[in-house]
Amino acid sequence: MKPKFLYFSVLLLVLSNCKTNKVPQTSWLSAEQLAQYKFYPELISTGALEQNYLSFTQDERVVFWTAGNDWEKQLPFLAKKVNGRFTKAQRIVELDTIYNGAISPSGRRILYTVRQGEETSTWLSQQSEGQWLPGVNLTDQSGIKAGYFQWYTEKELYLYTPENEGDLAMGRFVGEQLEIEPLPTPINTARGTEFSPFMGPKKQFLIFTRYLEGEPAQQGFFYSHNEGSESEPKWTPPQKIEALPYGWGASLSRDGRTFYFTDGLDIFAIPFSSLSLKRTP
């Protein structure tokens, strides 16, 4: 579900007055500033293909992303770190083309979505002896349709479901079965599309993308702070992150310093501290 009704060229009409490389807190990045934060422009955000999504293994030694010129049929790629840098993109030919997907913390599983026309299905592929096995159709098994995954642990994840124009949910693997439960209010809306969630460490916060037709104030990245605990979250009403342009694919580095996202063309890595978001001590 790449929103085709917004284009980044429109966003670039709003320029910030910031004269440094620090991300402004209350206005969008200019094109020049954003270009400085492209993630691995020689390997990933090359400009040759549109970049749609990105995820890491827990140790951040493997990165998975999708790229293509057809947002419904993206090519899945992997790269591994060598001497502290990602090198040589490797296409995962066993998955063919996919809609979106994410690699698990262990790096042994990839959960992904396939789209054919208006129909989507959810698939799981596992690695064996260095090869990715043919995917298992979880939609056929359970009837679940989901996408834009974030693996919180090897068994718990957060994802998009098509209910109510698009809602966020928690997923849990019970054996090889995926079970999902919608996130509580005030995260989801009845008319808006919520998708592409990122649950922060210890569930301190949740970042996701929302799109509500005709309401610019309800289009972009949103942030909700957990006033409860990791086991019993209590979410504050989501607030729009004004520093960021419209995009999706929110992710955070393991050390908490770098925030990743895509505008549908490139993947960017910006200082998370510059967003000045509240976090639980």
C-alpha atoms as a PDB file:
ATOM      1  CA  MET A   1       0.000   0.000   0.000  1.00  0.00           C
ATOM      2  CA  LYS A   2       2.270   2.736  -1.239  1.00  0.00           C
ATOM      3  CA  PRO A   3       0.098   5.877  -1.225  1.00  0.00           C
ATOM      4  CA  LYS A   4       0.200   6.975  -4.842  1.00  0.00           C
ATOM      5  CA  PHE A   5      -1.721  10.157  -4.146  1.00  0.00           C
ATOM      6  CA  LEU A   6       1.260  11.957  -2.658  1.00  0.00           C
ATOM      7  CA  TYR A   7       4.486  12.778  -4.390  1.00  0.00           C
ATOM      8  CA  PHE A   8       7.651  13.931  -2.729  1.00  0.00           C
ATOM      9  CA  SER A   9       8.028  16.763  -5.210  1.00  0.00           C
ATOM     10  CA  VAL A  10       5.047  18.422  -3.554  1.00  0.00           C
ATOM     11  CA  LEU A  11       6.661  18.117  -0.162  1.00  0.00           C
ATOM     12  CA  LEU A  12       9.812  19.777  -1.385  1.00  0.00           C
ATOM     13  CA  LEU A  13       7.914  22.996  -2.034  1.00  0.00           C
ATOM     14  CA  VAL A  14       8.061  23.597   1.710  1.00  0.00           C
ATOM     15  CA  LEU A  15      11.644  24.515   2.546  1.00  0.00           C
ATOM     16  CA  SER A  16      13.146  25.054   5.956  1.00  0.00           C
ATOM     17  CA  ASN A  17      15.356  28.013   6.930  1.00  0.00           C
ATOM     18  CA  CYS A  18      17.843  25.806   8.772  1.00  0.00           C
ATOM     19  CA  LYS A  19      21.444  26.611   7.807  1.00  0.00           C
ATOM     20  CA  THR A  20      23.060  23.541   9.356  1.00  0.00           C
ATOM     21  CA  ASN A  21      22.776  19.806   8.799  1.00  0.00           C
ATOM     22  CA  LYS A  22      20.744  19.343  11.979  1.00  0.00           C
ATOM     23  CA  VAL A  23      17.199  18.227  11.324  1.00  0.00           C
ATOM     24  CA  PRO A  24      14.775  21.101  12.079  1.00  0.00           C
ATOM     25  CA  GLN A  25      12.227  20.199  14.736  1.00  0.00           C
ATOM     26  CA  THR A  26       9.164  21.996  13.384  1.00  0.00           C
ATOM     27  CA  SER A  27       9.603  22.099   9.592  1.00  0.00           C
ATOM     28  CA  TRP A  28      10.334  19.709   6.794  1.00  0.00           C
ATOM     29  CA  LEU A  29      13.827  19.050   5.524  1.00  0.00           C
ATOM     30  CA  SER A  30      14.781  20.802   2.324  1.00  0.00           C
ATOM     31  CA  ALA A  31      15.791  18.705  -0.664  1.00  0.00           C
ATOM     32  CA  GLU A  32      19.430  19.655  -0.128  1.00  0.00           C
ATOM     33  CA  GLN A  33      19.401  18.662   3.553  1.00  0.00           C
ATOM     34  CA  LEU A  34      17.585  15.395   2.927  1.00  0.00           C
ATOM     35  CA  ALA A  35      20.000  14.400   0.173  1.00  0.00           C
ATOM     36  CA  GLN A  36      22.851  14.448   2.701  1.00  0.00           C
ATOM     37  CA  TYR A  37      21.134  11.733   4.721  1.00  0.00           C
ATOM     38  CA  LYS A  38      20.673   9.158   1.963  1.00  0.00           C
ATOM     39  CA  PHE A  39      21.438   5.705   3.328  1.00  0.00           C
ATOM     40  CA  TYR A  40      24.298   4.064   1.424  1.00  0.00           C
ATOM     41  CA  PRO A  41      23.786   6.013  -1.822  1.00  0.00           C
ATOM     42  CA  GLU A  42      26.375   3.840  -3.550  1.00  0.00           C
ATOM     43  CA  LEU A  43      24.651   0.580  -2.567  1.00  0.00           C
ATOM     44  CA  ILE A  44      21.006   1.048  -1.474  1.00  0.00           C
ATOM     45  CA  SER A  45      19.632   4.527  -2.249  1.00  0.00           C
ATOM     46  CA  THR A  46      21.320   4.649  -5.628  1.00  0.00           C
ATOM     47  CA  GLY A  47      18.599   6.415  -7.592  1.00  0.00           C
ATOM     48  CA  ALA A  48      18.457   3.549 -10.087  1.00  0.00           C
ATOM     49  CA  LEU A  49      15.366   2.071  -8.394  1.00  0.00           C
ATOM     50  CA  GLU A  50      12.762   3.369  -5.966  1.00  0.00           C
ATOM     51  CA  GLN A  51      13.376   2.246  -2.377  1.00  0.00           C
ATOM     52  CA  ASN A  52      10.276   1.134  -0.505  1.00  0.00           C
ATOM     53  CA  TYR A  53      11.214  -0.496   2.799  1.00  0.00           C
ATOM     54  CA  LEU A  54      14.148  -1.481   5.025  1.00  0.00           C
ATOM     55  CA  SER A  55      14.774  -3.678   8.070  1.00  0.00           C
ATOM     56  CA  PHE A  56      17.742  -5.062   9.995  1.00  0.00           C
ATOM     57  CA  THR A  57      18.612  -8.200  11.888  1.00  0.00           C
ATOM     58  CA  GLN A  58      18.988  -7.706  15.636  1.00  0.00           C
ATOM     59  CA  ASP A  59      22.784  -7.446  15.459  1.00  0.00           C
ATOM     60  CA  GLU A  60      22.444  -5.062  12.479  1.00  0.00           C
ATOM     61  CA  ARG A  61      24.913  -7.104  10.465  1.00  0.00           C
ATOM     62  CA  VAL A  62      22.348  -7.849   7.749  1.00  0.00           C
ATOM     63  CA  VAL A  63      20.031  -5.327   6.088  1.00  0.00           C
ATOM     64  CA  PHE A  64      16.977  -6.248   4.007  1.00  0.00           C
ATOM     65  CA  TRP A  65      15.219  -3.840   1.667  1.00  0.00           C
ATOM     66  CA  THR A  66      12.950  -3.720  -1.353  1.00  0.00           C
ATOM     67  CA  ALA A  67      13.451  -1.695  -4.519  1.00  0.00           C
ATOM     68  CA  GLY A  68      11.900  -1.397  -7.950  1.00  0.00           C
ATOM     69  CA  ASN A  69      10.145   0.765 -10.499  1.00  0.00           C
ATOM     70  CA  ASP A  70       6.768  -0.847  -9.844  1.00  0.00           C
ATOM     71  CA  TRP A  71       5.724  -0.275  -6.225  1.00  0.00           C
ATOM     72  CA  GLU A  72       3.428  -3.310  -6.293  1.00  0.00           C
ATOM     73  CA  LYS A  73       6.232  -5.616  -7.467  1.00  0.00           C
ATOM     74  CA  GLN A  74       9.414  -4.814  -5.582  1.00  0.00           C
ATOM     75  CA  LEU A  75      12.676  -6.738  -5.731  1.00  0.00           C
ATOM     76  CA  PRO A  76      13.943  -8.008  -2.342  1.00  0.00           C
ATOM     77  CA  PHE A  77      17.617  -7.472  -1.496  1.00  0.00           C
ATOM     78  CA  LEU A  78      20.068  -8.334   1.288  1.00  0.00           C
ATOM     79  CA  ALA A  79      23.477  -6.935   2.175  1.00  0.00           C
ATOM     80  CA  LYS A  80      25.907  -7.998   4.906  1.00  0.00           C
ATOM     81  CA  LYS A  81      28.406  -5.943   6.856  1.00  0.00           C
ATOM     82  CA  VAL A  82      32.077  -6.469   6.113  1.00  0.00           C
ATOM     83  CA  ASN A  83      34.534  -4.532   8.284  1.00  0.00           C
ATOM     84  CA  GLY A  84      31.720  -2.367   9.605  1.00  0.00           C
ATOM     85  CA  ARG A  85      30.144  -1.463   6.255  1.00  0.00           C
ATOM     86  CA  PHE A  86      27.431  -3.006   4.141  1.00  0.00           C
ATOM     87  CA  THR A  87      28.776  -4.347   0.868  1.00  0.00           C
ATOM     88  CA  LYS A  88      27.408  -5.966  -2.289  1.00  0.00           C
ATOM     89  CA  ALA A  89      23.632  -6.056  -2.669  1.00  0.00           C
ATOM     90  CA  GLN A  90      22.309  -9.577  -3.164  1.00  0.00           C
ATOM     91  CA  ARG A  91      18.883 -10.069  -4.703  1.00  0.00           C
ATOM     92  CA  ILE A  92      16.794 -12.800  -3.072  1.00  0.00           C
ATOM     93  CA  VAL A  93      15.647 -14.528  -6.246  1.00  0.00           C
ATOM     94  CA  GLU A  94      13.753 -17.229  -4.328  1.00  0.00           C
ATOM     95  CA  LEU A  95      11.098 -14.655  -3.317  1.00  0.00           C
ATOM     96  CA  ASP A  96      10.601 -13.353  -6.866  1.00  0.00           C
ATOM     97  CA  THR A  97       8.824  -9.967  -6.565  1.00  0.00           C
ATOM     98  CA  ILE A  98       7.000  -8.817  -3.431  1.00  0.00           C
ATOM     99  CA  TYR A  99       4.884  -5.894  -2.216  1.00  0.00           C
ATOM    100  CA  ASN A 100       6.789  -5.280   1.040  1.00  0.00           C
ATOM    101  CA  GLY A 101       8.489  -7.344   3.710  1.00  0.00           C
ATOM    102  CA  ALA A 102      10.868  -7.497   6.676  1.00  0.00           C
ATOM    103  CA  ILE A 103      13.614  -9.774   7.952  1.00  0.00           C
ATOM    104  CA  SER A 104      13.368 -11.298  11.439  1.00  0.00           C
ATOM    105  CA  PRO A 105      15.804 -10.414  14.258  1.00  0.00           C
ATOM    106  CA  SER A 106      17.651 -13.721  13.798  1.00  0.00           C
ATOM    107  CA  GLY A 107      17.902 -13.240  10.037  1.00  0.00           C
ATOM    108  CA  ARG A 108      16.423 -16.681   9.487  1.00  0.00           C
ATOM    109  CA  ARG A 109      12.908 -15.644   8.396  1.00  0.00           C
ATOM    110  CA  ILE A 110      11.345 -13.077   6.085  1.00  0.00           C
ATOM    111  CA  LEU A 111       7.690 -12.141   6.363  1.00  0.00           C
ATOM    112  CA  TYR A 112       6.391 -10.521   3.195  1.00  0.00           C
ATOM    113  CA  THR A 113       3.320  -9.504   1.220  1.00  0.00           C
ATOM    114  CA  VAL A 114       2.474 -10.371  -2.375  1.00  0.00           C
ATOM    115  CA  ARG A 115       0.027  -8.204  -4.319  1.00  0.00           C
ATOM    116  CA  GLN A 116      -1.925  -9.228  -7.413  1.00  0.00           C
ATOM    117  CA  GLY A 117      -4.278  -6.480  -8.517  1.00  0.00           C
ATOM    118  CA  GLU A 118      -6.310  -5.503  -5.458  1.00  0.00           C
ATOM    119  CA  GLU A 119      -5.649  -8.809  -3.695  1.00  0.00           C
ATOM    120  CA  THR A 120      -2.816  -9.256  -1.202  1.00  0.00           C
ATOM    121  CA  SER A 121      -1.516 -12.292   0.650  1.00  0.00           C
ATOM    122  CA  THR A 122       0.971 -12.775   3.480  1.00  0.00           C
ATOM    123  CA  TRP A 123       3.893 -15.181   3.134  1.00  0.00           C
ATOM    124  CA  LEU A 124       6.703 -16.524   5.316  1.00  0.00           C
ATOM    125  CA  SER A 125      10.038 -17.763   3.993  1.00  0.00           C
ATOM    126  CA  GLN A 126      12.703 -19.431   6.111  1.00  0.00           C
ATOM    127  CA  GLN A 127      16.401 -19.841   5.507  1.00  0.00           C
ATOM    128  CA  SER A 128      18.039 -23.251   5.414  1.00  0.00           C
ATOM    129  CA  GLU A 129      21.729 -23.838   4.736  1.00  0.00           C
ATOM    130  CA  GLY A 130      22.122 -20.382   3.253  1.00  0.00           C
ATOM    131  CA  GLN A 131      19.143 -20.681   0.919  1.00  0.00           C
ATOM    132  CA  TRP A 132      15.678 -19.176   1.218  1.00  0.00           C
ATOM    133  CA  LEU A 133      12.962 -21.816   1.035  1.00  0.00           C
ATOM    134  CA  PRO A 134       9.761 -21.316  -0.974  1.00  0.00           C
ATOM    135  CA  GLY A 135       7.351 -19.121   0.969  1.00  0.00           C
ATOM    136  CA  VAL A 136       4.403 -20.504   2.914  1.00  0.00           C
ATOM    137  CA  ASN A 137       1.098 -18.730   2.243  1.00  0.00           C
ATOM    138  CA  LEU A 138      -0.135 -17.700   5.689  1.00  0.00           C
ATOM    139  CA  THR A 139      -3.259 -16.107   4.208  1.00  0.00           C
ATOM    140  CA  ASP A 140      -4.365 -19.488   2.892  1.00  0.00           C
ATOM    141  CA  GLN A 141      -3.733 -21.010   6.320  1.00  0.00           C
ATOM    142  CA  SER A 142      -5.408 -18.381   8.494  1.00  0.00           C
ATOM    143  CA  GLY A 143      -7.222 -15.872   6.286  1.00  0.00           C
ATOM    144  CA  ILE A 144      -4.995 -13.093   7.632  1.00  0.00           C
ATOM    145  CA  LYS A 145      -3.954 -10.308   5.286  1.00  0.00           C
ATOM    146  CA  ALA A 146      -1.205  -8.062   6.600  1.00  0.00           C
ATOM    147  CA  GLY A 147       1.837  -6.075   5.551  1.00  0.00           C
ATOM    148  CA  TYR A 148       4.436  -3.435   6.469  1.00  0.00           C
ATOM    149  CA  PHE A 149       5.895  -5.620   9.191  1.00  0.00           C
ATOM    150  CA  GLN A 150       8.202  -4.805  12.068  1.00  0.00           C
ATOM    151  CA  TRP A 151       9.614  -7.743  14.022  1.00  0.00           C
ATOM    152  CA  TYR A 152       9.717  -6.732  17.708  1.00  0.00           C
ATOM    153  CA  THR A 153      11.017 -10.159  18.706  1.00  0.00           C
ATOM    154  CA  GLU A 154      11.278 -13.426  16.804  1.00  0.00           C
ATOM    155  CA  LYS A 155       7.664 -14.198  17.782  1.00  0.00           C
ATOM    156  CA  GLU A 156       6.043 -10.772  18.272  1.00  0.00           C
ATOM    157  CA  LEU A 157       5.640  -8.192  15.548  1.00  0.00           C
ATOM    158  CA  TYR A 158       3.664  -5.122  14.503  1.00  0.00           C
ATOM    159  CA  LEU A 159       1.941  -4.734  11.166  1.00  0.00           C
ATOM    160  CA  TYR A 160      -0.725  -3.206   8.925  1.00  0.00           C
ATOM    161  CA  THR A 161      -4.121  -4.810   8.343  1.00  0.00           C
ATOM    162  CA  PRO A 162      -6.763  -3.610   5.828  1.00  0.00           C
ATOM    163  CA  GLU A 163      -9.585  -3.150   8.376  1.00  0.00           C
ATOM    164  CA  ASN A 164     -11.118   0.359   8.685  1.00  0.00           C
ATOM    165  CA  GLU A 165      -9.233   1.634   5.628  1.00  0.00           C
ATOM    166  CA  GLY A 166      -6.020   0.428   7.303  1.00  0.00           C
ATOM    167  CA  ASP A 167      -5.270  -0.306  10.969  1.00  0.00           C
ATOM    168  CA  LEU A 168      -2.245  -1.270  13.037  1.00  0.00           C
ATOM    169  CA  ALA A 169      -2.119  -4.560  14.894  1.00  0.00           C
ATOM    170  CA  MET A 170       0.149  -6.745  16.966  1.00  0.00           C
ATOM    171  CA  GLY A 171       1.023 -10.119  15.490  1.00  0.00           C
ATOM    172  CA  ARG A 172       2.235 -13.192  17.317  1.00  0.00           C
ATOM    173  CA  PHE A 173       3.516 -16.490  15.999  1.00  0.00           C
ATOM    174  CA  VAL A 174       2.009 -19.487  17.733  1.00  0.00           C
ATOM    175  CA  GLY A 175       3.974 -22.317  16.212  1.00  0.00           C
ATOM    176  CA  GLU A 176       3.864 -21.520  12.493  1.00  0.00           C
ATOM    177  CA  GLN A 177       0.495 -19.777  12.747  1.00  0.00           C
ATOM    178  CA  LEU A 178       0.281 -15.977  12.776  1.00  0.00           C
ATOM    179  CA  GLU A 179      -2.348 -14.499  15.071  1.00  0.00           C
ATOM    180  CA  ILE A 180      -3.120 -10.772  15.130  1.00  0.00           C
ATOM    181  CA  GLU A 181      -4.817  -8.363  17.518  1.00  0.00           C
ATOM    182  CA  PRO A 182      -5.674  -4.725  16.640  1.00  0.00           C
ATOM    183  CA  LEU A 183      -3.859  -2.060  18.636  1.00  0.00           C
ATOM    184  CA  PRO A 184      -6.093  -0.188  21.080  1.00  0.00           C
ATOM    185  CA  THR A 185      -7.350   3.354  20.787  1.00  0.00           C
ATOM    186  CA  PRO A 186      -6.176   6.020  20.300  1.00  0.00           C
ATOM    187  CA  ILE A 187      -3.802   4.562  17.692  1.00  0.00           C
ATOM    188  CA  ASN A 188      -6.222   3.545  14.929  1.00  0.00           C
ATOM    189  CA  THR A 189      -8.831   5.762  13.280  1.00  0.00           C
ATOM    190  CA  ALA A 190     -12.056   4.769  11.547  1.00  0.00           C
ATOM    191  CA  ARG A 191     -11.437   6.688   8.304  1.00  0.00           C
ATOM    192  CA  GLY A 192      -7.678   7.137   8.138  1.00  0.00           C
ATOM    193  CA  THR A 193      -5.077   4.658   6.935  1.00  0.00           C
ATOM    194  CA  GLU A 194      -2.540   3.711   9.603  1.00  0.00           C
ATOM    195  CA  PHE A 195       0.370   1.601   8.400  1.00  0.00           C
ATOM    196  CA  SER A 196       4.095   0.905   8.686  1.00  0.00           C
ATOM    197  CA  PRO A 197       4.505   0.756  12.501  1.00  0.00           C
ATOM    198  CA  PHE A 198       7.736   0.861  14.476  1.00  0.00           C
ATOM    199  CA  MET A 199       7.539  -0.171  18.129  1.00  0.00           C
ATOM    200  CA  GLY A 200      10.420   1.346  20.089  1.00  0.00           C
ATOM    201  CA  PRO A 201      12.671  -0.482  22.580  1.00  0.00           C
ATOM    202  CA  LYS A 202      10.762  -1.748  25.629  1.00  0.00           C
ATOM    203  CA  LYS A 203       7.641  -0.306  23.949  1.00  0.00           C
ATOM    204  CA  GLN A 204       8.575   3.197  25.077  1.00  0.00           C
ATOM    205  CA  PHE A 205       6.967   4.688  21.983  1.00  0.00           C
ATOM    206  CA  LEU A 206       5.263   3.858  18.709  1.00  0.00           C
ATOM    207  CA  ILE A 207       5.930   5.601  15.390  1.00  0.00           C
ATOM    208  CA  PHE A 208       3.748   4.974  12.356  1.00  0.00           C
ATOM    209  CA  THR A 209       2.410   6.581   9.180  1.00  0.00           C
ATOM    210  CA  ARG A 210      -1.127   7.897   8.810  1.00  0.00           C
ATOM    211  CA  TYR A 211      -2.956   9.109   5.726  1.00  0.00           C
ATOM    212  CA  LEU A 212      -6.417  10.666   5.861  1.00  0.00           C
ATOM    213  CA  GLU A 213      -7.685  11.911   2.507  1.00  0.00           C
ATOM    214  CA  GLY A 214      -8.141  15.677   2.337  1.00  0.00           C
ATOM    215  CA  GLU A 215      -6.613  16.390   5.761  1.00  0.00           C
ATOM    216  CA  PRO A 216      -2.911  17.348   5.549  1.00  0.00           C
ATOM    217  CA  ALA A 217      -2.683  17.527   9.360  1.00  0.00           C
ATOM    218  CA  GLN A 218      -3.441  13.793   9.369  1.00  0.00           C
ATOM    219  CA  GLN A 219      -0.855  12.830   6.761  1.00  0.00           C
ATOM    220  CA  GLY A 220       2.665  11.864   7.765  1.00  0.00           C
ATOM    221  CA  PHE A 221       4.606  10.260  10.596  1.00  0.00           C
ATOM    222  CA  PHE A 222       2.903  10.091  13.981  1.00  0.00           C
ATOM    223  CA  TYR A 223       4.301   9.395  17.438  1.00  0.00           C
ATOM    224  CA  SER A 224       2.618   7.958  20.532  1.00  0.00           C
ATOM    225  CA  HIS A 225       4.316   7.755  23.928  1.00  0.00           C
ATOM    226  CA  ASN A 226       3.752   4.830  26.295  1.00  0.00           C
ATOM    227  CA  GLU A 227       2.717   6.062  29.740  1.00  0.00           C
ATOM    228  CA  GLY A 228       2.267   2.510  30.964  1.00  0.00           C
ATOM    229  CA  SER A 229       4.705  -0.398  30.964  1.00  0.00           C
ATOM    230  CA  GLU A 230       6.098  -2.788  28.398  1.00  0.00           C
ATOM    231  CA  SER A 231       3.661  -5.488  29.512  1.00  0.00           C
ATOM    232  CA  GLU A 232       0.694  -3.108  29.822  1.00  0.00           C
ATOM    233  CA  PRO A 233       1.153  -0.167  27.422  1.00  0.00           C
ATOM    234  CA  LYS A 234      -0.970   2.965  27.755  1.00  0.00           C
ATOM    235  CA  TRP A 235      -0.707   5.014  24.605  1.00  0.00           C
ATOM    236  CA  THR A 236      -1.021   8.782  24.418  1.00  0.00           C
ATOM    237  CA  PRO A 237      -2.973  10.358  21.515  1.00  0.00           C
ATOM    238  CA  PRO A 238      -0.648  10.259  18.496  1.00  0.00           C
ATOM    239  CA  GLN A 239       1.039  13.529  17.530  1.00  0.00           C
ATOM    240  CA  LYS A 240       2.349  14.343  14.067  1.00  0.00           C
ATOM    241  CA  ILE A 241       6.152  14.569  13.736  1.00  0.00           C
ATOM    242  CA  GLU A 242       6.378  17.918  11.984  1.00  0.00           C
ATOM    243  CA  ALA A 243      10.116  17.628  11.302  1.00  0.00           C
ATOM    244  CA  LEU A 244       9.606  14.849   8.770  1.00  0.00           C
ATOM    245  CA  PRO A 245       8.150  14.869   5.249  1.00  0.00           C
ATOM    246  CA  TYR A 246       5.527  12.318   4.297  1.00  0.00           C
ATOM    247  CA  GLY A 247       6.987   8.832   4.247  1.00  0.00           C
ATOM    248  CA  TRP A 248       6.874   5.415   5.829  1.00  0.00           C
ATOM    249  CA  GLY A 249       9.190   2.576   6.875  1.00  0.00           C
ATOM    250  CA  ALA A 250      10.152   4.094  10.257  1.00  0.00           C
ATOM    251  CA  SER A 251      12.987   2.262  12.004  1.00  0.00           C
ATOM    252  CA  LEU A 252      15.570   3.002  14.688  1.00  0.00           C
ATOM    253  CA  SER A 253      19.141   1.793  15.052  1.00  0.00           C
ATOM    254  CA  ARG A 254      20.001  -0.453  17.980  1.00  0.00           C
ATOM    255  CA  ASP A 255      21.967   2.320  19.715  1.00  0.00           C
ATOM    256  CA  GLY A 256      18.994   4.674  19.378  1.00  0.00           C
ATOM    257  CA  ARG A 257      20.923   7.286  17.429  1.00  0.00           C
ATOM    258  CA  THR A 258      19.729   6.873  13.864  1.00  0.00           C
ATOM    259  CA  PHE A 259      16.183   7.075  12.505  1.00  0.00           C
ATOM    260  CA  TYR A 260      15.472   5.469   9.135  1.00  0.00           C
ATOM    261  CA  PHE A 261      12.580   6.107   6.772  1.00  0.00           C
ATOM    262  CA  THR A 262      11.704   6.197   3.086  1.00  0.00           C
ATOM    263  CA  ASP A 263       9.900   8.763   0.972  1.00  0.00           C
ATOM    264  CA  GLY A 264       9.213   6.083  -1.636  1.00  0.00           C
ATOM    265  CA  LEU A 265      12.242   7.085  -3.690  1.00  0.00           C
ATOM    266  CA  ASP A 266      15.186   6.806  -1.289  1.00  0.00           C
ATOM    267  CA  ILE A 267      15.939   5.572   2.220  1.00  0.00           C
ATOM    268  CA  PHE A 268      17.279   8.134   4.682  1.00  0.00           C
ATOM    269  CA  ALA A 269      19.169   7.890   7.966  1.00  0.00           C
ATOM    270  CA  ILE A 270      18.854  10.991  10.183  1.00  0.00           C
ATOM    271  CA  PRO A 271      19.774  11.724  13.836  1.00  0.00           C
ATOM    272  CA  PHE A 272      16.929  10.503  16.028  1.00  0.00           C
ATOM    273  CA  SER A 273      17.804  13.037  18.738  1.00  0.00           C
ATOM    274  CA  SER A 274      16.942  15.871  16.368  1.00  0.00           C
ATOM    275  CA  LEU A 275      13.287  14.857  16.458  1.00  0.00           C
ATOM    276  CA  SER A 276      13.148  15.670  20.204  1.00  0.00           C
ATOM    277  CA  LEU A 277      10.654  12.917  20.960  1.00  0.00           C
ATOM    278  CA  LYS A 278       9.824  12.013  24.538  1.00  0.00           C
ATOM    279  CA  ARG A 279      11.145   8.671  25.758  1.00  0.00           C
ATOM    280  CA  THR A 280      10.614   6.740  28.958  1.00  0.00           C
ATOM    281  CA  PRO A 281      13.774   6.824  31.172  1.00  0.00           C
END
